Protein backbone atom coordinates (compact mmCIF):
# COMPACT_ATOMS: atom_id res chain seq x y z
CA MET A 1 -5.84 -45.88 0.60
CA THR A 2 -6.13 -47.06 4.20
CA ALA A 3 -5.27 -44.86 7.18
CA GLY A 4 -2.30 -47.07 8.02
CA ALA A 5 -0.92 -46.79 4.49
CA ALA A 6 -1.35 -43.02 4.53
CA THR A 7 0.47 -42.77 7.86
CA SER A 8 3.29 -44.97 6.58
CA ARG A 9 3.60 -42.86 3.46
CA SER A 10 3.71 -39.66 5.56
CA ARG A 11 6.43 -41.04 7.80
CA GLY A 12 8.48 -41.88 4.73
CA ARG A 13 8.70 -38.21 3.77
CA SER A 14 11.52 -35.98 4.96
CA PRO A 15 10.94 -33.41 7.74
CA LEU A 16 11.22 -30.62 5.17
CA GLN A 17 8.58 -32.22 2.94
CA ARG A 18 6.22 -32.63 5.89
CA ALA A 19 6.82 -29.00 6.91
CA LEU A 20 6.08 -27.75 3.39
CA GLY A 21 2.93 -29.87 3.32
CA ARG A 22 1.72 -28.29 6.57
CA PHE A 23 2.59 -24.82 5.27
CA PHE A 24 0.64 -25.16 2.02
CA ARG A 25 -2.39 -26.44 3.91
CA ASN A 26 -2.44 -23.23 5.99
CA GLY A 27 -5.03 -20.93 4.44
CA ALA A 28 -3.72 -17.75 6.09
CA ALA A 29 -0.18 -18.47 4.91
CA ILE A 30 -1.38 -18.96 1.33
CA ALA A 31 -3.34 -15.70 1.56
CA GLY A 32 -0.15 -14.00 2.73
CA LEU A 33 1.71 -15.34 -0.30
CA LEU A 34 -1.06 -14.17 -2.63
CA ILE A 35 -0.66 -10.65 -1.23
CA LEU A 36 3.13 -10.52 -0.90
CA VAL A 37 4.15 -12.01 -4.25
CA PRO A 38 2.28 -9.40 -6.38
CA VAL A 39 3.69 -6.62 -4.18
CA LEU A 40 7.24 -7.92 -4.71
CA LEU A 41 6.72 -8.28 -8.46
CA ALA A 42 5.29 -4.77 -8.73
CA VAL A 43 8.06 -3.01 -6.80
CA LEU A 44 10.82 -4.93 -8.58
CA THR A 45 9.54 -4.56 -12.14
CA TYR A 46 7.76 -1.19 -12.21
CA PRO A 47 10.50 0.64 -14.21
CA PHE A 48 9.71 -1.70 -17.14
CA TRP A 49 5.97 -0.98 -17.30
CA TRP A 50 5.36 2.43 -15.67
CA ARG A 51 6.40 5.50 -17.63
CA TYR A 52 7.09 7.85 -14.71
CA ALA A 53 10.18 7.89 -12.52
CA PRO A 54 9.69 8.51 -8.79
CA ASN A 55 11.33 11.95 -8.91
CA SER A 56 10.02 13.11 -12.30
CA ILE A 57 8.04 16.34 -11.98
CA ASP A 58 4.93 17.17 -13.97
CA LEU A 59 4.27 20.88 -13.45
CA ARG A 60 0.92 20.56 -15.19
CA ALA A 61 -0.37 18.24 -12.47
CA LEU A 62 0.33 19.56 -8.98
CA ASN A 63 -1.68 17.92 -6.20
CA SER A 64 -3.66 16.06 -8.85
CA GLY A 65 -6.09 13.32 -7.92
CA PRO A 66 -6.16 9.98 -9.75
CA THR A 67 -6.32 10.44 -13.53
CA ALA A 68 -5.70 8.33 -16.62
CA ALA A 69 -2.13 9.66 -16.78
CA HIS A 70 -1.41 9.41 -13.04
CA TRP A 71 -3.35 6.47 -11.64
CA LEU A 72 -2.86 7.49 -8.01
CA GLY A 73 -2.45 11.23 -8.64
CA THR A 74 0.56 13.41 -7.87
CA ASP A 75 2.04 15.16 -4.85
CA GLY A 76 2.56 18.84 -4.16
CA VAL A 77 5.48 19.19 -6.59
CA GLY A 78 4.01 17.08 -9.37
CA ARG A 79 5.69 13.73 -8.72
CA ASP A 80 3.72 10.63 -9.64
CA THR A 81 2.34 8.95 -6.50
CA LEU A 82 2.29 5.43 -7.96
CA ALA A 83 5.95 5.65 -9.01
CA ARG A 84 6.92 6.90 -5.56
CA LEU A 85 4.77 4.21 -3.91
CA LEU A 86 6.54 1.45 -5.84
CA GLN A 87 9.98 2.97 -5.34
CA GLY A 88 9.17 3.44 -1.67
CA GLY A 89 8.26 -0.23 -1.45
CA ARG A 90 11.57 -1.12 -3.07
CA THR A 91 13.44 1.03 -0.54
CA SER A 92 11.52 -0.32 2.45
CA LEU A 93 11.92 -3.94 1.37
CA LEU A 94 15.62 -3.45 0.63
CA ILE A 95 16.24 -2.02 4.09
CA ALA A 96 14.22 -4.82 5.71
CA SER A 97 16.02 -7.55 3.73
CA VAL A 98 19.54 -6.35 4.45
CA SER A 99 18.91 -5.52 8.10
CA VAL A 100 17.28 -8.91 8.70
CA ALA A 101 20.19 -10.70 7.02
CA ILE A 102 22.69 -8.83 9.22
CA SER A 103 20.70 -9.42 12.41
CA LEU A 104 20.34 -13.14 11.57
CA LEU A 105 24.09 -13.43 11.09
CA ILE A 106 24.88 -11.62 14.34
CA GLY A 107 22.19 -13.41 16.34
CA PHE A 108 23.18 -16.87 15.10
CA LEU A 109 26.91 -16.35 15.66
CA VAL A 110 26.45 -14.87 19.13
CA GLY A 111 24.05 -17.60 20.24
CA ALA A 112 26.07 -20.44 18.71
CA VAL A 113 29.42 -19.24 20.08
CA ALA A 114 27.85 -18.86 23.52
CA ALA A 115 26.49 -22.42 23.39
CA PHE A 116 29.68 -24.07 22.10
CA GLY A 117 32.33 -21.76 23.51
CA GLY A 118 32.48 -23.00 27.08
CA ARG A 119 31.11 -21.82 30.42
CA VAL A 120 33.21 -18.66 30.79
CA LEU A 121 32.58 -17.43 27.24
CA ASP A 122 28.91 -18.36 27.52
CA GLY A 123 28.50 -16.36 30.73
CA THR A 124 30.31 -13.33 29.32
CA ILE A 125 28.34 -13.28 26.08
CA MET A 126 24.96 -13.78 27.72
CA ARG A 127 25.54 -10.98 30.22
CA PHE A 128 26.22 -8.71 27.24
CA VAL A 129 23.04 -9.96 25.55
CA ASP A 130 21.07 -9.34 28.75
CA LEU A 131 22.41 -5.79 28.85
CA ALA A 132 21.41 -5.21 25.22
CA MET A 133 17.90 -6.51 25.94
CA THR A 134 17.39 -4.27 28.98
CA LEU A 135 17.95 -1.05 27.03
CA PRO A 136 14.63 0.64 26.11
CA PRO A 137 14.28 -0.14 22.38
CA VAL A 138 12.43 3.04 21.40
CA ILE A 139 14.90 5.33 23.15
CA LEU A 140 17.86 3.36 21.79
CA LEU A 141 16.36 3.51 18.31
CA LEU A 142 16.01 7.29 18.42
CA VAL A 143 19.47 7.81 19.93
CA LEU A 144 21.16 5.63 17.32
CA ALA A 145 19.22 7.30 14.51
CA SER A 146 20.23 10.76 15.73
CA ILE A 147 23.89 9.67 15.87
CA THR A 148 24.11 7.85 12.53
CA GLY A 149 22.01 10.32 10.54
CA THR A 150 19.54 9.70 7.73
CA GLY A 151 19.76 7.54 4.63
CA ILE A 152 19.55 3.90 3.64
CA LEU A 153 22.81 2.64 5.17
CA PRO A 154 22.36 4.36 8.57
CA THR A 155 18.79 3.06 8.76
CA ILE A 156 19.95 -0.49 8.01
CA PHE A 157 22.63 -0.14 10.69
CA VAL A 158 20.16 1.06 13.34
CA ILE A 159 17.56 -1.63 12.66
CA SER A 160 20.21 -4.38 12.56
CA LEU A 161 21.55 -3.44 15.98
CA LEU A 162 18.10 -3.68 17.56
CA SER A 163 17.11 -7.06 16.15
CA TRP A 164 19.65 -9.74 17.13
CA PRO A 165 19.56 -10.23 20.96
CA VAL A 166 16.30 -12.22 21.12
CA LEU A 167 17.44 -14.46 18.28
CA SER A 168 20.76 -15.15 19.98
CA ARG A 169 18.97 -16.43 23.09
CA MET A 170 16.71 -18.65 20.98
CA VAL A 171 19.67 -20.13 19.09
CA ARG A 172 21.63 -20.67 22.31
CA ALA A 173 18.70 -22.47 23.95
CA ARG A 174 18.44 -24.85 20.98
CA LEU A 175 22.18 -25.53 20.82
CA LEU A 176 22.65 -26.10 24.55
CA GLU A 177 20.62 -29.27 24.09
CA LEU A 178 22.30 -30.13 20.79
CA ARG A 179 25.85 -29.95 22.14
CA GLU A 180 25.18 -32.89 24.47
CA ARG A 181 24.16 -35.24 21.67
CA ASP A 182 26.45 -38.11 20.74
CA PHE A 183 27.36 -36.91 17.24
CA VAL A 184 28.46 -33.49 18.55
CA VAL A 185 30.41 -35.04 21.42
CA ALA A 186 32.05 -37.40 18.90
CA SER A 187 32.98 -34.49 16.63
CA ARG A 188 34.63 -32.72 19.52
CA GLY A 189 36.42 -35.92 20.47
CA PHE A 190 37.88 -36.14 16.96
CA GLY A 191 39.19 -32.59 17.31
CA ALA A 192 36.52 -30.61 15.44
CA GLY A 193 37.03 -26.86 15.82
CA LEU A 194 34.47 -24.21 16.64
CA GLY A 195 33.94 -23.34 12.98
CA HIS A 196 33.13 -26.96 12.11
CA LEU A 197 30.69 -27.21 15.02
CA LEU A 198 28.96 -23.94 14.07
CA PHE A 199 28.43 -24.58 10.38
CA ARG A 200 28.29 -28.38 10.28
CA HIS A 201 26.03 -28.97 13.27
CA ALA A 202 24.67 -25.70 14.73
CA LEU A 203 23.47 -24.05 11.51
CA PRO A 204 21.49 -27.01 10.05
CA ASN A 205 19.81 -27.60 13.41
CA SER A 206 18.88 -23.91 13.80
CA LEU A 207 17.40 -23.33 10.33
CA ASP A 208 13.80 -23.58 11.50
CA ILE A 209 14.40 -20.91 14.16
CA LEU A 210 16.21 -18.67 11.67
CA VAL A 211 13.51 -18.97 8.99
CA VAL A 212 10.62 -18.23 11.34
CA TYR A 213 12.45 -15.40 13.09
CA ALA A 214 13.42 -13.87 9.73
CA THR A 215 9.80 -13.55 8.64
CA VAL A 216 8.76 -12.00 11.95
CA GLN A 217 11.69 -9.60 11.98
CA PHE A 218 11.14 -8.69 8.32
CA ALA A 219 7.73 -7.24 9.19
CA ASN A 220 9.20 -5.48 12.23
CA ALA A 221 11.99 -3.99 10.13
CA ILE A 222 9.49 -2.54 7.65
CA LEU A 223 7.56 -0.94 10.51
CA LEU A 224 10.75 0.39 12.13
CA GLU A 225 11.87 1.98 8.86
CA ALA A 226 8.43 3.51 8.36
CA GLY A 227 8.47 4.90 11.89
CA LEU A 228 11.94 6.40 11.54
CA SER A 229 11.12 7.91 8.15
CA PHE A 230 7.81 9.29 9.46
CA LEU A 231 9.80 11.07 12.19
CA GLY A 232 12.30 12.38 9.63
CA MET A 233 15.15 10.22 10.99
CA GLY A 234 15.21 7.45 8.38
CA ILE A 235 14.77 7.92 4.64
CA VAL A 236 14.28 11.56 3.73
CA PRO A 237 13.02 13.09 0.45
CA PRO A 238 13.67 13.11 -2.43
CA GLU A 239 14.28 9.38 -1.83
CA ALA A 240 10.91 7.65 -1.49
CA SER A 241 9.85 5.23 1.23
CA TRP A 242 6.48 4.30 2.63
CA GLY A 243 7.37 6.01 5.88
CA ASN A 244 8.21 9.40 4.41
CA MET A 245 5.15 9.22 2.14
CA LEU A 246 3.05 8.87 5.29
CA ARG A 247 4.91 11.84 6.73
CA ALA A 248 3.06 14.02 4.21
CA ALA A 249 -0.13 13.31 6.18
CA ARG A 250 1.23 15.42 9.03
CA SER A 251 -0.01 18.39 7.02
CA THR A 252 -3.68 19.01 7.70
CA VAL A 253 -4.18 20.12 4.09
CA VAL A 254 -2.74 16.90 2.69
CA LEU A 255 -4.50 14.77 5.28
CA GLU A 256 -7.93 16.17 4.49
CA LEU A 257 -7.77 17.31 0.87
CA HIS A 258 -5.24 14.97 -0.78
CA PRO A 259 -5.65 11.47 0.72
CA SER A 260 -4.29 9.89 -2.48
CA GLN A 261 -0.82 11.16 -1.50
CA TRP A 262 -0.60 9.10 1.70
CA MET A 263 -3.37 6.49 1.80
CA PRO A 264 -1.77 4.17 -0.82
CA ALA A 265 1.45 4.06 1.23
CA GLY A 266 -0.51 3.28 4.39
CA ALA A 267 -2.51 0.55 2.66
CA ALA A 268 0.62 -0.99 1.13
CA LEU A 269 2.39 -0.94 4.49
CA VAL A 270 -0.50 -2.60 6.32
CA ALA A 271 -1.09 -5.22 3.61
CA THR A 272 2.59 -6.14 3.33
CA VAL A 273 3.14 -6.44 7.07
CA LEU A 274 -0.02 -8.52 7.50
CA ALA A 275 1.00 -10.80 4.62
CA ILE A 276 4.46 -11.35 6.10
CA ASN A 277 2.95 -12.07 9.52
CA PHE A 278 0.57 -14.62 7.98
CA ILE A 279 3.51 -16.30 6.25
CA GLY A 280 5.53 -16.23 9.46
CA ASP A 281 2.71 -17.85 11.42
CA GLY A 282 2.41 -20.51 8.74
CA LEU A 283 6.14 -21.24 8.83
CA ARG A 284 6.10 -21.40 12.63
CA ASP A 285 3.30 -23.96 12.58
CA ALA A 286 4.89 -25.86 9.70
CA PHE A 287 8.22 -26.29 11.48
CA ASP A 288 6.57 -27.25 14.79
CA PRO A 289 6.41 -31.08 14.83
CA ARG A 290 3.55 -30.94 17.34
CA THR A 291 1.30 -29.63 14.54
CA ASP A 292 1.96 -32.68 12.38
CA LEU A 293 -1.42 -34.38 12.39
CA GLU A 294 -0.73 -36.63 9.45
């Protein structure tokens, strides 16, 4: 096939097909998928193939190292480390998924309404966004966590509130250019309402931003949950999460004598976050038309 024919064939493909082609040619992104997919399968299906529950206690195996019965050993009260690792992954991924979905919804709506709502509404909303972005994130995180308390729902609430302002500015910047295009101006001329503009024009033209930001924020949400749980302000025992499993390493005895109680959680956290970042980088490059070298 000649170069001209190949170029013609490439141009005949849709933007989504070209983006997927660029993504699957990205070695780091594929490596991220090869890490993340097994992790997801393991945490979602472990009750069907692992005989221990995360809070089941085996009094005959306290602070046990890896054995044939307990592949990663047990903790100080006899709970199976592998079961708690997998349940902790389920908890961490659940919190990240829900908090990212909420922050995407808030960020998109705020940015889109600011772009399409007129000058006064735009100015009011963006001053509020600027205020939210000037607050120190670490201090705000700790204050919100101390107010809302511990548990899955409060942790989701705290992470969601910290994640949307940057996205709203990104969406607004994209839509400020979009609103001047002929098809949007024509829709307004025919009396299209704000809801039609948001979901018929703004959402389809912001999908690339939302997808890339979701992957980046997903990794951040996992790290935020782990940090809160490590400080005792997120998920607290007996519920398992990777963060509160790492909290056990605060004890010098556990840190030095029982590394199997915290090292698997640390390794899973690092591997998952790296995999998501690789996938996010691949999606960012795939949706960037400047990387299309076909």
